Amino acid sequence: MKNSEIKGLSQEELVAKIAEEKQNLVKLKFAHTISAIENPNRIKAVRKGIARLNTELTQLKAQSATETK
């Protein structure tokens, strides 16, 4: 997911996407444990995607906190 797409999401959408990506990461890790997946770099890419989503969620929360003051 591109950063421009991530920035367009609301807080609820970000939370849902993070949960979805975490489930995807668990499935990838499990598949890799059972038998080596074709491209193990996908695990790394999913982890980075989750980090990007979490960063944007944190920024949105901080932004909404400053707006309410």
PDB file of N, CA and C in Angstrom:
ATOM      1  N   MET A   1       0.845  -1.168   0.000  1.00  0.00           N
ATOM      2  CA  MET A   1       0.000   0.000   0.000  1.00  0.00           C
ATOM      3  C   MET A   1       0.896   1.238   0.000  1.00  0.00           C
ATOM      4  N   LYS A   2       0.569   2.162  -0.867  1.00  0.00           N
ATOM      5  CA  LYS A   2       1.373   3.373  -0.998  1.00  0.00           C
ATOM      6  C   LYS A   2       1.055   4.356   0.118  1.00  0.00           C
ATOM      7  N   ASN A   3       2.024   5.215   0.415  1.00  0.00           N
ATOM      8  CA  ASN A   3       1.835   6.213   1.473  1.00  0.00           C
ATOM      9  C   ASN A   3       0.691   7.159   1.159  1.00  0.00           C
ATOM     10  N   SER A   4       0.516   7.504  -0.115  1.00  0.00           N
ATOM     11  CA  SER A   4      -0.583   8.399  -0.481  1.00  0.00           C
ATOM     12  C   SER A   4      -1.929   7.748  -0.197  1.00  0.00           C
ATOM     13  N   GLU A   5      -2.030   6.440  -0.383  1.00  0.00           N
ATOM     14  CA  GLU A   5      -3.266   5.716  -0.082  1.00  0.00           C
ATOM     15  C   GLU A   5      -3.493   5.653   1.425  1.00  0.00           C
ATOM     16  N   ILE A   6      -2.422   5.484   2.179  1.00  0.00           N
ATOM     17  CA  ILE A   6      -2.519   5.388   3.638  1.00  0.00           C
ATOM     18  C   ILE A   6      -2.988   6.718   4.218  1.00  0.00           C
ATOM     19  N   LYS A   7      -2.467   7.827   3.700  1.00  0.00           N
ATOM     20  CA  LYS A   7      -2.825   9.143   4.224  1.00  0.00           C
ATOM     21  C   LYS A   7      -4.293   9.476   3.986  1.00  0.00           C
ATOM     22  N   GLY A   8      -4.927   8.839   3.026  1.00  0.00           N
ATOM     23  CA  GLY A   8      -6.321   9.099   2.732  1.00  0.00           C
ATOM     24  C   GLY A   8      -7.302   8.324   3.595  1.00  0.00           C
ATOM     25  N   LEU A   9      -6.808   7.461   4.471  1.00  0.00           N
ATOM     26  CA  LEU A   9      -7.675   6.627   5.299  1.00  0.00           C
ATOM     27  C   LEU A   9      -8.047   7.336   6.606  1.00  0.00           C
ATOM     28  N   SER A  10      -9.231   7.014   7.105  1.00  0.00           N
ATOM     29  CA  SER A  10      -9.653   7.543   8.402  1.00  0.00           C
ATOM     30  C   SER A  10      -9.089   6.657   9.515  1.00  0.00           C
ATOM     31  N   GLN A  11      -9.285   7.087  10.765  1.00  0.00           N
ATOM     32  CA  GLN A  11      -8.776   6.309  11.900  1.00  0.00           C
ATOM     33  C   GLN A  11      -9.381   4.920  11.936  1.00  0.00           C
ATOM     34  N   GLU A  12     -10.690   4.819  11.716  1.00  0.00           N
ATOM     35  CA  GLU A  12     -11.360   3.517  11.764  1.00  0.00           C
ATOM     36  C   GLU A  12     -10.843   2.597  10.662  1.00  0.00           C
ATOM     37  N   GLU A  13     -10.637   3.174   9.478  1.00  0.00           N
ATOM     38  CA  GLU A  13     -10.116   2.386   8.359  1.00  0.00           C
ATOM     39  C   GLU A  13      -8.687   1.925   8.640  1.00  0.00           C
ATOM     40  N   LEU A  14      -7.890   2.796   9.265  1.00  0.00           N
ATOM     41  CA  LEU A  14      -6.510   2.421   9.611  1.00  0.00           C
ATOM     42  C   LEU A  14      -6.492   1.274  10.612  1.00  0.00           C
ATOM     43  N   VAL A  15      -7.342   1.357  11.631  1.00  0.00           N
ATOM     44  CA  VAL A  15      -7.393   0.295  12.640  1.00  0.00           C
ATOM     45  C   VAL A  15      -7.793  -1.027  11.990  1.00  0.00           C
ATOM     46  N   ALA A  16      -8.782  -0.975  11.099  1.00  0.00           N
ATOM     47  CA  ALA A  16      -9.230  -2.191  10.412  1.00  0.00           C
ATOM     48  C   ALA A  16      -8.128  -2.743   9.512  1.00  0.00           C
ATOM     49  N   LYS A  17      -7.430  -1.874   8.804  1.00  0.00           N
ATOM     50  CA  LYS A  17      -6.356  -2.302   7.903  1.00  0.00           C
ATOM     51  C   LYS A  17      -5.185  -2.897   8.692  1.00  0.00           C
ATOM     52  N   ILE A  18      -4.876  -2.309   9.849  1.00  0.00           N
ATOM     53  CA  ILE A  18      -3.798  -2.844  10.687  1.00  0.00           C
ATOM     54  C   ILE A  18      -4.146  -4.250  11.148  1.00  0.00           C
ATOM     55  N   ALA A  19      -5.387  -4.454  11.597  1.00  0.00           N
ATOM     56  CA  ALA A  19      -5.811  -5.780  12.046  1.00  0.00           C
ATOM     57  C   ALA A  19      -5.739  -6.785  10.896  1.00  0.00           C
ATOM     58  N   GLU A  20      -6.154  -6.356   9.713  1.00  0.00           N
ATOM     59  CA  GLU A  20      -6.117  -7.233   8.536  1.00  0.00           C
ATOM     60  C   GLU A  20      -4.681  -7.617   8.188  1.00  0.00           C
ATOM     61  N   GLU A  21      -3.791  -6.634   8.207  1.00  0.00           N
ATOM     62  CA  GLU A  21      -2.392  -6.887   7.861  1.00  0.00           C
ATOM     63  C   GLU A  21      -1.701  -7.764   8.914  1.00  0.00           C
ATOM     64  N   LYS A  22      -2.072  -7.604  10.181  1.00  0.00           N
ATOM     65  CA  LYS A  22      -1.492  -8.452  11.228  1.00  0.00           C
ATOM     66  C   LYS A  22      -1.913  -9.904  11.028  1.00  0.00           C
ATOM     67  N   GLN A  23      -3.170 -10.121  10.643  1.00  0.00           N
ATOM     68  CA  GLN A  23      -3.641 -11.480  10.349  1.00  0.00           C
ATOM     69  C   GLN A  23      -2.882 -12.051   9.155  1.00  0.00           C
ATOM     70  N   ASN A  24      -2.658 -11.216   8.152  1.00  0.00           N
ATOM     71  CA  ASN A  24      -1.903 -11.636   6.976  1.00  0.00           C
ATOM     72  C   ASN A  24      -0.476 -12.029   7.368  1.00  0.00           C
ATOM     73  N   LEU A  25       0.133 -11.252   8.275  1.00  0.00           N
ATOM     74  CA  LEU A  25       1.492 -11.548   8.731  1.00  0.00           C
ATOM     75  C   LEU A  25       1.547 -12.884   9.462  1.00  0.00           C
ATOM     76  N   VAL A  26       0.564 -13.140  10.305  1.00  0.00           N
ATOM     77  CA  VAL A  26       0.525 -14.413  11.034  1.00  0.00           C
ATOM     78  C   VAL A  26       0.420 -15.576  10.053  1.00  0.00           C
ATOM     79  N   LYS A  27      -0.432 -15.433   9.046  1.00  0.00           N
ATOM     80  CA  LYS A  27      -0.604 -16.487   8.040  1.00  0.00           C
ATOM     81  C   LYS A  27       0.682 -16.719   7.252  1.00  0.00           C
ATOM     82  N   LEU A  28       1.355 -15.620   6.884  1.00  0.00           N
ATOM     83  CA  LEU A  28       2.613 -15.748   6.148  1.00  0.00           C
ATOM     84  C   LEU A  28       3.682 -16.455   6.981  1.00  0.00           C
ATOM     85  N   LYS A  29       3.784 -16.060   8.252  1.00  0.00           N
ATOM     86  CA  LYS A  29       4.775 -16.694   9.133  1.00  0.00           C
ATOM     87  C   LYS A  29       4.481 -18.174   9.308  1.00  0.00           C
ATOM     88  N   PHE A  30       3.194 -18.500   9.467  1.00  0.00           N
ATOM     89  CA  PHE A  30       2.813 -19.903   9.630  1.00  0.00           C
ATOM     90  C   PHE A  30       3.147 -20.686   8.365  1.00  0.00           C
ATOM     91  N   ALA A  31       2.810 -20.133   7.206  1.00  0.00           N
ATOM     92  CA  ALA A  31       3.102 -20.802   5.938  1.00  0.00           C
ATOM     93  C   ALA A  31       4.609 -20.977   5.759  1.00  0.00           C
ATOM     94  N   HIS A  32       5.377 -20.002   6.178  1.00  0.00           N
ATOM     95  CA  HIS A  32       6.828 -20.087   6.041  1.00  0.00           C
ATOM     96  C   HIS A  32       7.414 -21.118   7.007  1.00  0.00           C
ATOM     97  N   THR A  33       6.793 -21.282   8.161  1.00  0.00           N
ATOM     98  CA  THR A  33       7.266 -22.273   9.127  1.00  0.00           C
ATOM     99  C   THR A  33       7.002 -23.687   8.617  1.00  0.00           C
ATOM    100  N   ILE A  34       5.828 -23.899   8.052  1.00  0.00           N
ATOM    101  CA  ILE A  34       5.460 -25.221   7.538  1.00  0.00           C
ATOM    102  C   ILE A  34       6.326 -25.602   6.349  1.00  0.00           C
ATOM    103  N   SER A  35       6.365 -24.759   5.355  1.00  0.00           N
ATOM    104  CA  SER A  35       7.229 -24.971   4.197  1.00  0.00           C
ATOM    105  C   SER A  35       7.633 -23.606   3.678  1.00  0.00           C
ATOM    106  N   ALA A  36       8.841 -23.493   3.242  1.00  0.00           N
ATOM    107  CA  ALA A  36       9.383 -22.201   2.834  1.00  0.00           C
ATOM    108  C   ALA A  36       8.505 -21.562   1.751  1.00  0.00           C
ATOM    109  N   ILE A  37       8.109 -20.306   1.991  1.00  0.00           N
ATOM    110  CA  ILE A  37       7.329 -19.606   0.983  1.00  0.00           C
ATOM    111  C   ILE A  37       8.253 -19.147  -0.128  1.00  0.00           C
ATOM    112  N   GLU A  38       7.660 -18.905  -1.295  1.00  0.00           N
ATOM    113  CA  GLU A  38       8.450 -18.587  -2.472  1.00  0.00           C
ATOM    114  C   GLU A  38       9.291 -17.321  -2.297  1.00  0.00           C
ATOM    115  N   ASN A  39       8.702 -16.299  -1.687  1.00  0.00           N
ATOM    116  CA  ASN A  39       9.418 -15.046  -1.496  1.00  0.00           C
ATOM    117  C   ASN A  39       9.326 -14.625  -0.029  1.00  0.00           C
ATOM    118  N   PRO A  40      10.309 -14.989   0.793  1.00  0.00           N
ATOM    119  CA  PRO A  40      10.253 -14.640   2.215  1.00  0.00           C
ATOM    120  C   PRO A  40      10.350 -13.137   2.479  1.00  0.00           C
ATOM    121  N   ASN A  41      10.730 -12.359   1.481  1.00  0.00           N
ATOM    122  CA  ASN A  41      10.771 -10.905   1.659  1.00  0.00           C
ATOM    123  C   ASN A  41       9.379 -10.317   1.806  1.00  0.00           C
ATOM    124  N   ARG A  42       8.336 -11.084   1.469  1.00  0.00           N
ATOM    125  CA  ARG A  42       6.959 -10.618   1.659  1.00  0.00           C
ATOM    126  C   ARG A  42       6.677 -10.391   3.143  1.00  0.00           C
ATOM    127  N   ILE A  43       7.270 -11.219   4.010  1.00  0.00           N
ATOM    128  CA  ILE A  43       7.086 -11.051   5.457  1.00  0.00           C
ATOM    129  C   ILE A  43       7.638  -9.692   5.874  1.00  0.00           C
ATOM    130  N   LYS A  44       8.802  -9.364   5.382  1.00  0.00           N
ATOM    131  CA  LYS A  44       9.435  -8.083   5.688  1.00  0.00           C
ATOM    132  C   LYS A  44       8.591  -6.921   5.173  1.00  0.00           C
ATOM    133  N   ALA A  45       8.041  -7.062   3.978  1.00  0.00           N
ATOM    134  CA  ALA A  45       7.218  -6.005   3.386  1.00  0.00           C
ATOM    135  C   ALA A  45       5.932  -5.793   4.186  1.00  0.00           C
ATOM    136  N   VAL A  46       5.330  -6.871   4.666  1.00  0.00           N
ATOM    137  CA  VAL A  46       4.101  -6.757   5.450  1.00  0.00           C
ATOM    138  C   VAL A  46       4.401  -6.078   6.784  1.00  0.00           C
ATOM    139  N   ARG A  47       5.520  -6.441   7.424  1.00  0.00           N
ATOM    140  CA  ARG A  47       5.898  -5.791   8.681  1.00  0.00           C
ATOM    141  C   ARG A  47       6.094  -4.293   8.483  1.00  0.00           C
ATOM    142  N   LYS A  48       6.757  -3.902   7.390  1.00  0.00           N
ATOM    143  CA  LYS A  48       6.974  -2.488   7.113  1.00  0.00           C
ATOM    144  C   LYS A  48       5.653  -1.776   6.831  1.00  0.00           C
ATOM    145  N   GLY A  49       4.740  -2.466   6.165  1.00  0.00           N
ATOM    146  CA  GLY A  49       3.430  -1.887   5.892  1.00  0.00           C
ATOM    147  C   GLY A  49       2.657  -1.625   7.172  1.00  0.00           C
ATOM    148  N   ILE A  50       2.736  -2.576   8.109  1.00  0.00           N
ATOM    149  CA  ILE A  50       2.074  -2.408   9.407  1.00  0.00           C
ATOM    150  C   ILE A  50       2.681  -1.219  10.141  1.00  0.00           C
ATOM    151  N   ALA A  51       3.986  -1.072  10.063  1.00  0.00           N
ATOM    152  CA  ALA A  51       4.658   0.056  10.722  1.00  0.00           C
ATOM    153  C   ALA A  51       4.209   1.382  10.111  1.00  0.00           C
ATOM    154  N   ARG A  52       4.065   1.432   8.787  1.00  0.00           N
ATOM    155  CA  ARG A  52       3.595   2.655   8.131  1.00  0.00           C
ATOM    156  C   ARG A  52       2.178   3.003   8.581  1.00  0.00           C
ATOM    157  N   LEU A  53       1.324   1.976   8.648  1.00  0.00           N
ATOM    158  CA  LEU A  53      -0.052   2.199   9.088  1.00  0.00           C
ATOM    159  C   LEU A  53      -0.104   2.699  10.528  1.00  0.00           C
ATOM    160  N   ASN A  54       0.706   2.086  11.398  1.00  0.00           N
ATOM    161  CA  ASN A  54       0.750   2.510  12.798  1.00  0.00           C
ATOM    162  C   ASN A  54       1.262   3.942  12.927  1.00  0.00           C
ATOM    163  N   THR A  55       2.246   4.318  12.121  1.00  0.00           N
ATOM    164  CA  THR A  55       2.785   5.673  12.156  1.00  0.00           C
ATOM    165  C   THR A  55       1.712   6.676  11.759  1.00  0.00           C
ATOM    166  N   GLU A  56       0.983   6.382  10.702  1.00  0.00           N
ATOM    167  CA  GLU A  56      -0.075   7.289  10.262  1.00  0.00           C
ATOM    168  C   GLU A  56      -1.183   7.378  11.300  1.00  0.00           C
ATOM    169  N   LEU A  57      -1.528   6.263  11.935  1.00  0.00           N
ATOM    170  CA  LEU A  57      -2.547   6.265  12.979  1.00  0.00           C
ATOM    171  C   LEU A  57      -2.111   7.133  14.152  1.00  0.00           C
ATOM    172  N   THR A  58      -0.868   7.028  14.550  1.00  0.00           N
ATOM    173  CA  THR A  58      -0.327   7.848  15.642  1.00  0.00           C
ATOM    174  C   THR A  58      -0.382   9.326  15.281  1.00  0.00           C
ATOM    175  N   GLN A  59      -0.029   9.657  14.049  1.00  0.00           N
ATOM    176  CA  GLN A  59      -0.063  11.048  13.616  1.00  0.00           C
ATOM    177  C   GLN A  59      -1.493  11.584  13.601  1.00  0.00           C
ATOM    178  N   LEU A  60      -2.439  10.763  13.150  1.00  0.00           N
ATOM    179  CA  LEU A  60      -3.843  11.190  13.143  1.00  0.00           C
ATOM    180  C   LEU A  60      -4.359  11.426  14.560  1.00  0.00           C
ATOM    181  N   LYS A  61      -3.982  10.541  15.482  1.00  0.00           N
ATOM    182  CA  LYS A  61      -4.410  10.698  16.871  1.00  0.00           C
ATOM    183  C   LYS A  61      -3.822  11.967  17.479  1.00  0.00           C
ATOM    184  N   ALA A  62      -2.556  12.232  17.202  1.00  0.00           N
ATOM    185  CA  ALA A  62      -1.911  13.431  17.733  1.00  0.00           C
ATOM    186  C   ALA A  62      -2.545  14.684  17.126  1.00  0.00           C
ATOM    187  N   GLN A  63      -2.861  14.615  15.862  1.00  0.00           N
ATOM    188  CA  GLN A  63      -3.468  15.743  15.167  1.00  0.00           C
ATOM    189  C   GLN A  63      -4.867  16.024  15.717  1.00  0.00           C
ATOM    190  N   SER A  64      -5.632  14.977  15.957  1.00  0.00           N
ATOM    191  CA  SER A  64      -6.981  15.173  16.482  1.00  0.00           C
ATOM    192  C   SER A  64      -6.934  15.654  17.946  1.00  0.00           C
ATOM    193  N   ALA A  65      -5.915  15.254  18.680  1.00  0.00           N
ATOM    194  CA  ALA A  65      -5.772  15.702  20.068  1.00  0.00           C
ATOM    195  C   ALA A  65      -5.447  17.192  20.130  1.00  0.00           C
ATOM    196  N   THR A  66      -4.627  17.666  19.206  1.00  0.00           N
ATOM    197  CA  THR A  66      -4.278  19.088  19.204  1.00  0.00           C
ATOM    198  C   THR A  66      -5.442  19.934  18.704  1.00  0.00           C
ATOM    199  N   GLU A  67      -6.273  19.364  17.830  1.00  0.00           N
ATOM    200  CA  GLU A  67      -7.426  20.112  17.319  1.00  0.00           C
ATOM    201  C   GLU A  67      -8.497  20.293  18.375  1.00  0.00           C
ATOM    202  N   THR A  68      -8.599  19.345  19.303  1.00  0.00           N
ATOM    203  CA  THR A  68      -9.635  19.437  20.336  1.00  0.00           C
ATOM    204  C   THR A  68      -9.259  20.405  21.446  1.00  0.00           C
ATOM    205  N   LYS A  69      -7.998  20.778  21.534  1.00  0.00           N
ATOM    206  CA  LYS A  69      -7.559  21.690  22.597  1.00  0.00           C
ATOM    207  C   LYS A  69      -7.900  23.103  22.289  1.00  0.00           C
TER     208      LYS A  69
END
